[in-house]
PDB file of N, CA and C in Angstrom:
ATOM      1  N   MET A   1      97.714  58.220  62.269  1.00  0.00           N
ATOM      2  CA  MET A   1      98.031  59.507  61.664  1.00  0.00           C
ATOM      3  C   MET A   1      98.649  60.458  62.682  1.00  0.00           C
ATOM      4  N   ARG A   2      98.044  60.560  63.881  1.00  0.00           N
ATOM      5  CA  ARG A   2      98.532  61.509  64.876  1.00  0.00           C
ATOM      6  C   ARG A   2      99.919  61.121  65.369  1.00  0.00           C
ATOM      7  N   THR A   3     100.213  59.836  65.432  1.00  0.00           N
ATOM      8  CA  THR A   3     101.548  59.411  65.849  1.00  0.00           C
ATOM      9  C   THR A   3     102.578  59.860  64.822  1.00  0.00           C
ATOM     10  N   ARG A   4     102.282  59.691  63.539  1.00  0.00           N
ATOM     11  CA  ARG A   4     103.208  60.091  62.483  1.00  0.00           C
ATOM     12  C   ARG A   4     103.382  61.601  62.412  1.00  0.00           C
ATOM     13  N   SER A   5     102.326  62.349  62.662  1.00  0.00           N
ATOM     14  CA  SER A   5     102.409  63.805  62.516  1.00  0.00           C
ATOM     15  C   SER A   5     102.961  64.507  63.756  1.00  0.00           C
ATOM     16  N   ALA A   6     103.126  63.808  64.856  1.00  0.00           N
ATOM     17  CA  ALA A   6     103.570  64.450  66.102  1.00  0.00           C
ATOM     18  C   ALA A   6     104.921  65.138  65.941  1.00  0.00           C
ATOM     19  N   ARG A   7     105.847  64.515  65.217  1.00  0.00           N
ATOM     20  CA  ARG A   7     107.186  65.091  65.059  1.00  0.00           C
ATOM     21  C   ARG A   7     107.187  66.413  64.296  1.00  0.00           C
ATOM     22  N   THR A   8     106.274  66.554  63.353  1.00  0.00           N
ATOM     23  CA  THR A   8     106.305  67.726  62.477  1.00  0.00           C
ATOM     24  C   THR A   8     105.126  68.671  62.671  1.00  0.00           C
ATOM     25  N   TYR A   9     104.217  68.361  63.553  1.00  0.00           N
ATOM     26  CA  TYR A   9     102.978  69.128  63.700  1.00  0.00           C
ATOM     27  C   TYR A   9     103.234  70.623  63.914  1.00  0.00           C
ATOM     28  N   ASP A  10     104.147  70.956  64.809  1.00  0.00           N
ATOM     29  CA  ASP A  10     104.418  72.358  65.106  1.00  0.00           C
ATOM     30  C   ASP A  10     105.286  73.037  64.057  1.00  0.00           C
ATOM     31  N   SER A  11     106.034  72.275  63.281  1.00  0.00           N
ATOM     32  CA  SER A  11     106.939  72.893  62.315  1.00  0.00           C
ATOM     33  C   SER A  11     106.279  73.136  60.961  1.00  0.00           C
ATOM     34  N   GLU A  12     105.129  72.529  60.731  1.00  0.00           N
ATOM     35  CA  GLU A  12     104.438  72.746  59.464  1.00  0.00           C
ATOM     36  C   GLU A  12     103.884  74.164  59.432  1.00  0.00           C
ATOM     37  N   ASP A  13     103.722  74.689  58.238  1.00  0.00           N
ATOM     38  CA  ASP A  13     103.165  76.025  58.082  1.00  0.00           C
ATOM     39  C   ASP A  13     101.656  75.939  58.282  1.00  0.00           C
ATOM     40  N   ASN A  14     101.235  76.039  59.528  1.00  0.00           N
ATOM     41  CA  ASN A  14      99.824  75.925  59.870  1.00  0.00           C
ATOM     42  C   ASN A  14      99.282  77.306  60.218  1.00  0.00           C
ATOM     43  N   GLY A  15      98.698  77.970  59.253  1.00  0.00           N
ATOM     44  CA  GLY A  15      98.167  79.312  59.453  1.00  0.00           C
ATOM     45  C   GLY A  15      97.019  79.382  60.429  1.00  0.00           C
ATOM     46  N   LEU A  16      96.398  78.240  60.719  1.00  0.00           N
ATOM     47  CA  LEU A  16      95.301  78.245  61.686  1.00  0.00           C
ATOM     48  C   LEU A  16      95.785  78.575  63.093  1.00  0.00           C
ATOM     49  N   PHE A  17      97.030  78.246  63.402  1.00  0.00           N
ATOM     50  CA  PHE A  17      97.577  78.601  64.718  1.00  0.00           C
ATOM     51  C   PHE A  17      97.538  80.114  64.904  1.00  0.00           C
ATOM     52  N   ASP A  18      97.852  80.842  63.851  1.00  0.00           N
ATOM     53  CA  ASP A  18      97.853  82.303  63.924  1.00  0.00           C
ATOM     54  C   ASP A  18      96.453  82.865  64.102  1.00  0.00           C
ATOM     55  N   LEU A  19      95.454  82.077  63.763  1.00  0.00           N
ATOM     56  CA  LEU A  19      94.071  82.523  63.913  1.00  0.00           C
ATOM     57  C   LEU A  19      93.494  82.201  65.283  1.00  0.00           C
ATOM     58  N   ASP A  20      93.726  80.978  65.773  1.00  0.00           N
ATOM     59  CA  ASP A  20      93.041  80.605  67.014  1.00  0.00           C
ATOM     60  C   ASP A  20      93.755  81.073  68.282  1.00  0.00           C
ATOM     61  N   GLU A  21      95.068  81.186  68.266  1.00  0.00           N
ATOM     62  CA  GLU A  21      95.770  81.605  69.481  1.00  0.00           C
ATOM     63  C   GLU A  21      95.383  83.017  69.939  1.00  0.00           C
ATOM     64  N   PRO A  22      95.302  84.015  69.039  1.00  0.00           N
ATOM     65  CA  PRO A  22      94.839  85.338  69.488  1.00  0.00           C
ATOM     66  C   PRO A  22      93.387  85.318  69.982  1.00  0.00           C
ATOM     67  N   LEU A  23      92.555  84.466  69.390  1.00  0.00           N
ATOM     68  CA  LEU A  23      91.169  84.356  69.851  1.00  0.00           C
ATOM     69  C   LEU A  23      91.098  83.793  71.257  1.00  0.00           C
ATOM     70  N   ILE A  24      91.901  82.770  71.522  1.00  0.00           N
ATOM     71  CA  ILE A  24      91.945  82.207  72.880  1.00  0.00           C
ATOM     72  C   ILE A  24      92.351  83.303  73.859  1.00  0.00           C
ATOM     73  N   ASP A  25      93.404  84.041  73.534  1.00  0.00           N
ATOM     74  CA  ASP A  25      93.837  85.160  74.389  1.00  0.00           C
ATOM     75  C   ASP A  25      92.690  86.123  74.659  1.00  0.00           C
ATOM     76  N   ALA A  26      92.016  86.549  73.606  1.00  0.00           N
ATOM     77  CA  ALA A  26      90.948  87.543  73.742  1.00  0.00           C
ATOM     78  C   ALA A  26      89.804  87.033  74.609  1.00  0.00           C
ATOM     79  N   ILE A  27      89.504  85.751  74.514  1.00  0.00           N
ATOM     80  CA  ILE A  27      88.373  85.190  75.257  1.00  0.00           C
ATOM     81  C   ILE A  27      88.725  84.922  76.717  1.00  0.00           C
ATOM     82  N   VAL A  28      89.911  84.388  76.992  1.00  0.00           N
ATOM     83  CA  VAL A  28      90.191  83.899  78.348  1.00  0.00           C
ATOM     84  C   VAL A  28      91.046  84.815  79.218  1.00  0.00           C
ATOM     85  N   THR A  29      91.693  85.814  78.648  1.00  0.00           N
ATOM     86  CA  THR A  29      92.623  86.639  79.420  1.00  0.00           C
ATOM     87  C   THR A  29      91.993  87.232  80.667  1.00  0.00           C
ATOM     88  N   ASP A  30      90.779  87.739  80.579  1.00  0.00           N
ATOM     89  CA  ASP A  30      90.149  88.406  81.712  1.00  0.00           C
ATOM     90  C   ASP A  30      89.322  87.477  82.591  1.00  0.00           C
ATOM     91  N   LEU A  31      89.280  86.193  82.281  1.00  0.00           N
ATOM     92  CA  LEU A  31      88.549  85.242  83.123  1.00  0.00           C
ATOM     93  C   LEU A  31      89.306  85.005  84.422  1.00  0.00           C
ATOM     94  N   PRO A  32      88.587  84.668  85.497  1.00  0.00           N
ATOM     95  CA  PRO A  32      89.282  84.296  86.734  1.00  0.00           C
ATOM     96  C   PRO A  32      90.199  83.103  86.465  1.00  0.00           C
ATOM     97  N   LYS A  33      91.378  83.151  87.027  1.00  0.00           N
ATOM     98  CA  LYS A  33      92.354  82.081  86.784  1.00  0.00           C
ATOM     99  C   LYS A  33      92.015  80.877  87.651  1.00  0.00           C
ATOM    100  N   GLY A  34      92.050  79.726  87.049  1.00  0.00           N
ATOM    101  CA  GLY A  34      91.747  78.482  87.736  1.00  0.00           C
ATOM    102  C   GLY A  34      92.335  77.323  86.965  1.00  0.00           C
ATOM    103  N   ARG A  35      91.728  76.184  87.121  1.00  0.00           N
ATOM    104  CA  ARG A  35      92.179  74.962  86.463  1.00  0.00           C
ATOM    105  C   ARG A  35      91.592  74.906  85.059  1.00  0.00           C
ATOM    106  N   ALA A  36      92.450  74.779  84.045  1.00  0.00           N
ATOM    107  CA  ALA A  36      92.010  74.800  82.647  1.00  0.00           C
ATOM    108  C   ALA A  36      92.516  73.572  81.905  1.00  0.00           C
ATOM    109  N   ILE A  37      91.645  73.009  81.090  1.00  0.00           N
ATOM    110  CA  ILE A  37      91.994  71.856  80.259  1.00  0.00           C
ATOM    111  C   ILE A  37      92.130  72.299  78.809  1.00  0.00           C
ATOM    112  N   ASP A  38      93.207  71.842  78.178  1.00  0.00           N
ATOM    113  CA  ASP A  38      93.355  71.922  76.723  1.00  0.00           C
ATOM    114  C   ASP A  38      92.994  70.526  76.226  1.00  0.00           C
ATOM    115  N   ALA A  39      91.741  70.347  75.777  1.00  0.00           N
ATOM    116  CA  ALA A  39      91.231  69.045  75.361  1.00  0.00           C
ATOM    117  C   ALA A  39      91.702  68.720  73.948  1.00  0.00           C
ATOM    118  N   ALA A  40      92.199  67.511  73.763  1.00  0.00           N
ATOM    119  CA  ALA A  40      92.839  67.095  72.508  1.00  0.00           C
ATOM    120  C   ALA A  40      93.992  68.052  72.231  1.00  0.00           C
ATOM    121  N   CYS A  41      94.884  68.154  73.201  1.00  0.00           N
ATOM    122  CA  CYS A  41      95.936  69.184  73.222  1.00  0.00           C
ATOM    123  C   CYS A  41      96.999  69.022  72.158  1.00  0.00           C
ATOM    124  N   GLY A  42      97.101  67.869  71.532  1.00  0.00           N
ATOM    125  CA  GLY A  42      98.164  67.681  70.550  1.00  0.00           C
ATOM    126  C   GLY A  42      99.517  67.940  71.184  1.00  0.00           C
ATOM    127  N   THR A  43     100.281  68.832  70.610  1.00  0.00           N
ATOM    128  CA  THR A  43     101.622  69.129  71.125  1.00  0.00           C
ATOM    129  C   THR A  43     101.616  70.158  72.255  1.00  0.00           C
ATOM    130  N   GLY A  44     100.442  70.488  72.761  1.00  0.00           N
ATOM    131  CA  GLY A  44     100.347  71.298  73.973  1.00  0.00           C
ATOM    132  C   GLY A  44     100.387  72.796  73.797  1.00  0.00           C
ATOM    133  N   ARG A  45     100.236  73.282  72.581  1.00  0.00           N
ATOM    134  CA  ARG A  45     100.418  74.713  72.367  1.00  0.00           C
ATOM    135  C   ARG A  45      99.424  75.562  73.149  1.00  0.00           C
ATOM    136  N   LEU A  46      98.149  75.152  73.225  1.00  0.00           N
ATOM    137  CA  LEU A  46      97.185  75.949  73.984  1.00  0.00           C
ATOM    138  C   LEU A  46      97.362  75.765  75.485  1.00  0.00           C
ATOM    139  N   ALA A  47      97.784  74.603  75.933  1.00  0.00           N
ATOM    140  CA  ALA A  47      98.067  74.406  77.359  1.00  0.00           C
ATOM    141  C   ALA A  47      99.190  75.336  77.801  1.00  0.00           C
ATOM    142  N   VAL A  48     100.221  75.457  76.986  1.00  0.00           N
ATOM    143  CA  VAL A  48     101.330  76.367  77.279  1.00  0.00           C
ATOM    144  C   VAL A  48     100.822  77.809  77.305  1.00  0.00           C
ATOM    145  N   GLN A  49      99.972  78.152  76.351  1.00  0.00           N
ATOM    146  CA  GLN A  49      99.399  79.500  76.294  1.00  0.00           C
ATOM    147  C   GLN A  49      98.554  79.786  77.542  1.00  0.00           C
ATOM    148  N   LEU A  50      97.744  78.822  77.953  1.00  0.00           N
ATOM    149  CA  LEU A  50      96.916  79.002  79.155  1.00  0.00           C
ATOM    150  C   LEU A  50      97.776  79.195  80.406  1.00  0.00           C
ATOM    151  N   ALA A  51      98.832  78.418  80.515  1.00  0.00           N
ATOM    152  CA  ALA A  51      99.733  78.563  81.662  1.00  0.00           C
ATOM    153  C   ALA A  51     100.367  79.945  81.678  1.00  0.00           C
ATOM    154  N   ALA A  52     100.764  80.446  80.525  1.00  0.00           N
ATOM    155  CA  ALA A  52     101.358  81.782  80.434  1.00  0.00           C
ATOM    156  C   ALA A  52     100.364  82.868  80.847  1.00  0.00           C
ATOM    157  N   LEU A  53      99.075  82.585  80.688  1.00  0.00           N
ATOM    158  CA  LEU A  53      98.036  83.537  81.083  1.00  0.00           C
ATOM    159  C   LEU A  53      97.650  83.409  82.554  1.00  0.00           C
ATOM    160  N   GLY A  54      98.267  82.452  83.260  1.00  0.00           N
ATOM    161  CA  GLY A  54      98.029  82.320  84.692  1.00  0.00           C
ATOM    162  C   GLY A  54      97.124  81.187  85.119  1.00  0.00           C
ATOM    163  N   PHE A  55      96.705  80.349  84.189  1.00  0.00           N
ATOM    164  CA  PHE A  55      95.858  79.206  84.526  1.00  0.00           C
ATOM    165  C   PHE A  55      96.710  78.019  84.963  1.00  0.00           C
ATOM    166  N   GLN A  56      96.133  77.154  85.763  1.00  0.00           N
ATOM    167  CA  GLN A  56      96.739  75.859  86.059  1.00  0.00           C
ATOM    168  C   GLN A  56      96.333  74.961  84.886  1.00  0.00           C
ATOM    169  N   ALA A  57      97.218  74.797  83.927  1.00  0.00           N
ATOM    170  CA  ALA A  57      96.882  74.160  82.656  1.00  0.00           C
ATOM    171  C   ALA A  57      97.194  72.675  82.659  1.00  0.00           C
ATOM    172  N   ILE A  58      96.247  71.924  82.065  1.00  0.00           N
ATOM    173  CA  ILE A  58      96.396  70.483  81.914  1.00  0.00           C
ATOM    174  C   ILE A  58      96.011  70.135  80.487  1.00  0.00           C
ATOM    175  N   GLY A  59      96.941  69.573  79.739  1.00  0.00           N
ATOM    176  CA  GLY A  59      96.656  69.123  78.385  1.00  0.00           C
ATOM    177  C   GLY A  59      96.253  67.661  78.395  1.00  0.00           C
ATOM    178  N   VAL A  60      95.234  67.334  77.628  1.00  0.00           N
ATOM    179  CA  VAL A  60      94.745  65.956  77.536  1.00  0.00           C
ATOM    180  C   VAL A  60      94.717  65.562  76.066  1.00  0.00           C
ATOM    181  N   ASP A  61      95.258  64.386  75.759  1.00  0.00           N
ATOM    182  CA  ASP A  61      95.248  63.906  74.388  1.00  0.00           C
ATOM    183  C   ASP A  61      95.238  62.385  74.383  1.00  0.00           C
ATOM    184  N   SER A  62      94.721  61.801  73.309  1.00  0.00           N
ATOM    185  CA  SER A  62      94.682  60.344  73.177  1.00  0.00           C
ATOM    186  C   SER A  62      95.948  59.778  72.551  1.00  0.00           C
ATOM    187  N   SER A  63      96.802  60.625  72.016  1.00  0.00           N
ATOM    188  CA  SER A  63      98.012  60.176  71.326  1.00  0.00           C
ATOM    189  C   SER A  63      99.235  60.284  72.246  1.00  0.00           C
ATOM    190  N   ALA A  64      99.863  59.169  72.516  1.00  0.00           N
ATOM    191  CA  ALA A  64     101.071  59.162  73.341  1.00  0.00           C
ATOM    192  C   ALA A  64     102.194  59.963  72.677  1.00  0.00           C
ATOM    193  N   ALA A  65     102.276  59.900  71.356  1.00  0.00           N
ATOM    194  CA  ALA A  65     103.322  60.644  70.632  1.00  0.00           C
ATOM    195  C   ALA A  65     103.106  62.149  70.763  1.00  0.00           C
ATOM    196  N   MET A  66     101.863  62.599  70.641  1.00  0.00           N
ATOM    197  CA  MET A  66     101.576  64.026  70.812  1.00  0.00           C
ATOM    198  C   MET A  66     101.872  64.461  72.244  1.00  0.00           C
ATOM    199  N   LEU A  67     101.497  63.655  73.221  1.00  0.00           N
ATOM    200  CA  LEU A  67     101.765  63.999  74.619  1.00  0.00           C
ATOM    201  C   LEU A  67     103.262  64.073  74.901  1.00  0.00           C
ATOM    202  N   ALA A  68     104.040  63.210  74.277  1.00  0.00           N
ATOM    203  CA  ALA A  68     105.496  63.267  74.454  1.00  0.00           C
ATOM    204  C   ALA A  68     106.040  64.590  73.930  1.00  0.00           C
ATOM    205  N   ARG A  69     105.558  65.032  72.777  1.00  0.00           N
ATOM    206  CA  ARG A  69     105.985  66.326  72.226  1.00  0.00           C
ATOM    207  C   ARG A  69     105.531  67.474  73.135  1.00  0.00           C
ATOM    208  N   ALA A  70     104.320  67.366  73.655  1.00  0.00           N
ATOM    209  CA  ALA A  70     103.791  68.410  74.535  1.00  0.00           C
ATOM    210  C   ALA A  70     104.641  68.532  75.795  1.00  0.00           C
ATOM    211  N   ARG A  71     104.976  67.401  76.397  1.00  0.00           N
ATOM    212  CA  ARG A  71     105.797  67.429  77.617  1.00  0.00           C
ATOM    213  C   ARG A  71     107.172  68.020  77.334  1.00  0.00           C
ATOM    214  N   ALA A  72     107.721  67.751  76.162  1.00  0.00           N
ATOM    215  CA  ALA A  72     109.048  68.272  75.805  1.00  0.00           C
ATOM    216  C   ALA A  72     109.022  69.782  75.587  1.00  0.00           C
ATOM    217  N   ARG A  73     107.919  70.331  75.117  1.00  0.00           N
ATOM    218  CA  ARG A  73     107.851  71.765  74.808  1.00  0.00           C
ATOM    219  C   ARG A  73     107.451  72.607  76.008  1.00  0.00           C
ATOM    220  N   ALA A  74     106.750  72.015  76.973  1.00  0.00           N
ATOM    221  CA  ALA A  74     106.135  72.790  78.046  1.00  0.00           C
ATOM    222  C   ALA A  74     107.031  72.919  79.263  1.00  0.00           C
ATOM    223  N   ALA A  75     106.793  73.963  80.016  1.00  0.00           N
ATOM    224  CA  ALA A  75     107.452  74.145  81.311  1.00  0.00           C
ATOM    225  C   ALA A  75     106.880  73.126  82.292  1.00  0.00           C
ATOM    226  N   ALA A  76     107.575  72.959  83.385  1.00  0.00           N
ATOM    227  CA  ALA A  76     107.182  71.966  84.378  1.00  0.00           C
ATOM    228  C   ALA A  76     105.822  72.255  85.011  1.00  0.00           C
ATOM    229  N   ASP A  77     105.359  73.497  84.928  1.00  0.00           N
ATOM    230  CA  ASP A  77     104.081  73.821  85.563  1.00  0.00           C
ATOM    231  C   ASP A  77     102.861  73.461  84.721  1.00  0.00           C
ATOM    232  N   VAL A  78     103.063  72.861  83.550  1.00  0.00           N
ATOM    233  CA  VAL A  78     101.962  72.393  82.711  1.00  0.00           C
ATOM    234  C   VAL A  78     101.911  70.877  82.802  1.00  0.00           C
ATOM    235  N   ALA A  79     100.743  70.344  83.156  1.00  0.00           N
ATOM    236  CA  ALA A  79     100.571  68.899  83.296  1.00  0.00           C
ATOM    237  C   ALA A  79      99.923  68.332  82.035  1.00  0.00           C
ATOM    238  N   PHE A  80     100.149  67.049  81.793  1.00  0.00           N
ATOM    239  CA  PHE A  80      99.547  66.380  80.644  1.00  0.00           C
ATOM    240  C   PHE A  80      99.053  65.006  81.069  1.00  0.00           C
ATOM    241  N   ALA A  81      97.963  64.568  80.415  1.00  0.00           N
ATOM    242  CA  ALA A  81      97.374  63.269  80.737  1.00  0.00           C
ATOM    243  C   ALA A  81      96.764  62.664  79.483  1.00  0.00           C
ATOM    244  N   GLY A  82      96.717  61.363  79.455  1.00  0.00           N
ATOM    245  CA  GLY A  82      96.048  60.668  78.369  1.00  0.00           C
ATOM    246  C   GLY A  82      94.545  60.684  78.580  1.00  0.00           C
ATOM    247  N   GLY A  83      93.805  60.779  77.490  1.00  0.00           N
ATOM    248  CA  GLY A  83      92.354  60.757  77.606  1.00  0.00           C
ATOM    249  C   GLY A  83      91.679  61.075  76.291  1.00  0.00           C
ATOM    250  N   GLU A  84      90.425  60.736  76.206  1.00  0.00           N
ATOM    251  CA  GLU A  84      89.605  60.969  75.019  1.00  0.00           C
ATOM    252  C   GLU A  84      88.701  62.172  75.236  1.00  0.00           C
ATOM    253  N   LEU A  85      88.276  62.799  74.158  1.00  0.00           N
ATOM    254  CA  LEU A  85      87.355  63.932  74.257  1.00  0.00           C
ATOM    255  C   LEU A  85      86.047  63.547  74.932  1.00  0.00           C
ATOM    256  N   THR A  86      85.643  62.296  74.809  1.00  0.00           N
ATOM    257  CA  THR A  86      84.389  61.837  75.406  1.00  0.00           C
ATOM    258  C   THR A  86      84.588  61.152  76.751  1.00  0.00           C
ATOM    259  N   ALA A  87      85.811  61.123  77.250  1.00  0.00           N
ATOM    260  CA  ALA A  87      86.110  60.502  78.551  1.00  0.00           C
ATOM    261  C   ALA A  87      87.332  61.190  79.154  1.00  0.00           C
ATOM    262  N   LEU A  88      87.156  62.439  79.552  1.00  0.00           N
ATOM    263  CA  LEU A  88      88.263  63.198  80.134  1.00  0.00           C
ATOM    264  C   LEU A  88      88.594  62.655  81.520  1.00  0.00           C
ATOM    265  N   PRO A  89      89.872  62.596  81.872  1.00  0.00           N
ATOM    266  CA  PRO A  89      90.287  61.960  83.133  1.00  0.00           C
ATOM    267  C   PRO A  89      90.162  62.898  84.348  1.00  0.00           C
ATOM    268  N   PHE A  90      88.946  63.425  84.555  1.00  0.00           N
ATOM    269  CA  PHE A  90      88.692  64.348  85.658  1.00  0.00           C
ATOM    270  C   PHE A  90      87.337  64.032  86.274  1.00  0.00           C
ATOM    271  N   PRO A  91      87.213  64.276  87.574  1.00  0.00           N
ATOM    272  CA  PRO A  91      85.897  64.112  88.187  1.00  0.00           C
ATOM    273  C   PRO A  91      84.929  65.210  87.726  1.00  0.00           C
ATOM    274  N   THR A  92      83.692  65.014  88.003  1.00  0.00           N
ATOM    275  CA  THR A  92      82.654  65.990  87.677  1.00  0.00           C
ATOM    276  C   THR A  92      82.941  67.318  88.371  1.00  0.00           C
ATOM    277  N   ALA A  93      82.747  68.406  87.640  1.00  0.00           N
ATOM    278  CA  ALA A  93      82.900  69.782  88.146  1.00  0.00           C
ATOM    279  C   ALA A  93      84.302  70.055  88.692  1.00  0.00           C
ATOM    280  N   ALA A  94      85.322  69.502  88.032  1.00  0.00           N
ATOM    281  CA  ALA A  94      86.695  69.610  88.536  1.00  0.00           C
ATOM    282  C   ALA A  94      87.520  70.733  87.917  1.00  0.00           C
ATOM    283  N   VAL A  95      87.031  71.339  86.837  1.00  0.00           N
ATOM    284  CA  VAL A  95      87.828  72.358  86.149  1.00  0.00           C
ATOM    285  C   VAL A  95      86.994  73.616  85.899  1.00  0.00           C
ATOM    286  N   ASP A  96      87.707  74.720  85.664  1.00  0.00           N
ATOM    287  CA  ASP A  96      87.051  76.007  85.468  1.00  0.00           C
ATOM    288  C   ASP A  96      86.934  76.426  84.007  1.00  0.00           C
ATOM    289  N   LEU A  97      87.718  75.807  83.140  1.00  0.00           N
ATOM    290  CA  LEU A  97      87.744  76.199  81.738  1.00  0.00           C
ATOM    291  C   LEU A  97      88.159  75.000  80.891  1.00  0.00           C
ATOM    292  N   VAL A  98      87.503  74.842  79.748  1.00  0.00           N
ATOM    293  CA  VAL A  98      87.911  73.840  78.759  1.00  0.00           C
ATOM    294  C   VAL A  98      88.074  74.560  77.424  1.00  0.00           C
ATOM    295  N   VAL A  99      89.220  74.366  76.799  1.00  0.00           N
ATOM    296  CA  VAL A  99      89.442  74.857  75.440  1.00  0.00           C
ATOM    297  C   VAL A  99      89.861  73.676  74.571  1.00  0.00           C
ATOM    298  N   SER A 100      89.648  73.825  73.282  1.00  0.00           N
ATOM    299  CA  SER A 100      90.090  72.821  72.326  1.00  0.00           C
ATOM    300  C   SER A 100      90.345  73.536  71.013  1.00  0.00           C
ATOM    301  N   GLY A 101      91.543  73.398  70.505  1.00  0.00           N
ATOM    302  CA  GLY A 101      91.903  74.084  69.270  1.00  0.00           C
ATOM    303  C   GLY A 101      92.018  73.130  68.107  1.00  0.00           C
ATOM    304  N   LEU A 102      91.208  73.331  67.109  1.00  0.00           N
ATOM    305  CA  LEU A 102      91.253  72.616  65.835  1.00  0.00           C
ATOM    306  C   LEU A 102      90.764  71.166  65.895  1.00  0.00           C
ATOM    307  N   ALA A 103      90.745  70.533  67.045  1.00  0.00           N
ATOM    308  CA  ALA A 103      90.420  69.112  67.129  1.00  0.00           C
ATOM    309  C   ALA A 103      88.962  68.809  66.833  1.00  0.00           C
ATOM    310  N   LEU A 104      88.067  69.702  67.181  1.00  0.00           N
ATOM    311  CA  LEU A 104      86.643  69.398  67.032  1.00  0.00           C
ATOM    312  C   LEU A 104      86.210  69.284  65.582  1.00  0.00           C
ATOM    313  N   THR A 105      87.019  69.784  64.663  1.00  0.00           N
ATOM    314  CA  THR A 105      86.691  69.629  63.243  1.00  0.00           C
ATOM    315  C   THR A 105      86.817  68.175  62.790  1.00  0.00           C
ATOM    316  N   HIS A 106      87.454  67.342  63.607  1.00  0.00           N
ATOM    317  CA  HIS A 106      87.643  65.928  63.283  1.00  0.00           C
ATOM    318  C   HIS A 106      86.615  65.033  63.964  1.00  0.00           C
ATOM    319  N   VAL A 107      85.669  65.625  64.686  1.00  0.00           N
ATOM    320  CA  VAL A 107      84.683  64.862  65.440  1.00  0.00           C
ATOM    321  C   VAL A 107      83.373  64.801  64.653  1.00  0.00           C
ATOM    322  N   ASP A 108      82.863  63.590  64.449  1.00  0.00           N
ATOM    323  CA  ASP A 108      81.613  63.418  63.701  1.00  0.00           C
ATOM    324  C   ASP A 108      80.384  63.823  64.510  1.00  0.00           C
ATOM    325  N   ASP A 109      80.366  63.482  65.790  1.00  0.00           N
ATOM    326  CA  ASP A 109      79.211  63.777  66.645  1.00  0.00           C
ATOM    327  C   ASP A 109      79.699  64.589  67.847  1.00  0.00           C
ATOM    328  N   LEU A 110      79.408  65.874  67.842  1.00  0.00           N
ATOM    329  CA  LEU A 110      79.889  66.761  68.902  1.00  0.00           C
ATOM    330  C   LEU A 110      79.105  66.646  70.202  1.00  0.00           C
ATOM    331  N   ALA A 111      77.899  66.114  70.175  1.00  0.00           N
ATOM    332  CA  ALA A 111      77.066  66.072  71.384  1.00  0.00           C
ATOM    333  C   ALA A 111      77.751  65.363  72.555  1.00  0.00           C
ATOM    334  N   PRO A 112      78.343  64.180  72.376  1.00  0.00           N
ATOM    335  CA  PRO A 112      78.999  63.542  73.519  1.00  0.00           C
ATOM    336  C   PRO A 112      80.234  64.308  74.008  1.00  0.00           C
ATOM    337  N   VAL A 113      80.896  64.984  73.105  1.00  0.00           N
ATOM    338  CA  VAL A 113      82.072  65.782  73.487  1.00  0.00           C
ATOM    339  C   VAL A 113      81.631  66.966  74.343  1.00  0.00           C
ATOM    340  N   TYR A 114      80.616  67.677  73.880  1.00  0.00           N
ATOM    341  CA  TYR A 114      80.118  68.819  74.656  1.00  0.00           C
ATOM    342  C   TYR A 114      79.522  68.370  75.991  1.00  0.00           C
ATOM    343  N   ALA A 115      78.895  67.216  76.016  1.00  0.00           N
ATOM    344  CA  ALA A 115      78.373  66.675  77.280  1.00  0.00           C
ATOM    345  C   ALA A 115      79.513  66.395  78.252  1.00  0.00           C
ATOM    346  N   GLU A 116      80.622  65.890  77.737  1.00  0.00           N
ATOM    347  CA  GLU A 116      81.780  65.620  78.594  1.00  0.00           C
ATOM    348  C   GLU A 116      82.404  66.921  79.083  1.00  0.00           C
ATOM    349  N   PHE A 117      82.488  67.927  78.221  1.00  0.00           N
ATOM    350  CA  PHE A 117      82.988  69.237  78.657  1.00  0.00           C
ATOM    351  C   PHE A 117      82.102  69.773  79.777  1.00  0.00           C
ATOM    352  N   ALA A 118      80.776  69.680  79.600  1.00  0.00           N
ATOM    353  CA  ALA A 118      79.840  70.171  80.616  1.00  0.00           C
ATOM    354  C   ALA A 118      80.004  69.393  81.928  1.00  0.00           C
ATOM    355  N   ARG A 119      80.257  68.098  81.835  1.00  0.00           N
ATOM    356  CA  ARG A 119      80.429  67.281  83.036  1.00  0.00           C
ATOM    357  C   ARG A 119      81.616  67.740  83.874  1.00  0.00           C
ATOM    358  N   VAL A 120      82.752  67.986  83.239  1.00  0.00           N
ATOM    359  CA  VAL A 120      83.961  68.311  84.002  1.00  0.00           C
ATOM    360  C   VAL A 120      84.023  69.781  84.432  1.00  0.00           C
ATOM    361  N   LEU A 121      83.220  70.633  83.791  1.00  0.00           N
ATOM    362  CA  LEU A 121      83.255  72.066  84.136  1.00  0.00           C
ATOM    363  C   LEU A 121      82.574  72.341  85.468  1.00  0.00           C
ATOM    364  N   ASN A 122      83.239  73.160  86.249  1.00  0.00           N
ATOM    365  CA  ASN A 122      82.676  73.643  87.506  1.00  0.00           C
ATOM    366  C   ASN A 122      81.523  74.582  87.178  1.00  0.00           C
ATOM    367  N   ARG A 123      80.442  74.461  87.862  1.00  0.00           N
ATOM    368  CA  ARG A 123      79.282  75.316  87.613  1.00  0.00           C
ATOM    369  C   ARG A 123      79.591  76.756  87.984  1.00  0.00           C
ATOM    370  N   GLY A 124      79.158  77.678  87.119  1.00  0.00           N
ATOM    371  CA  GLY A 124      79.358  79.088  87.410  1.00  0.00           C
ATOM    372  C   GLY A 124      80.659  79.604  86.882  1.00  0.00           C
TER     373      GLY A 124
END
């Protein structure tokens, strides 16, 4: 499904984008800038937003097609990597912020995902 939707994901009339992007801004704008992951980044829209806010942004997704779209839309200062929500490609305590937009609604068991977020987050 994600491979087929990668081409049109950003062009569809998705009103949820208008809801979550301002919330991300409101929550993270005043945080200290550091390394931030957009987990299950899809086409990279939140990774691009994080980079614009001054974070070192890295988008992670399991879909090669979505990552290709993300790389095409993003500036060179945004990195992307393949990975699963339950197996992020980072060492323990390697990042300062994790965000995920809309993807968690597709997860049946959030506990392993949140455990993985906690693993990669730098303490404090």
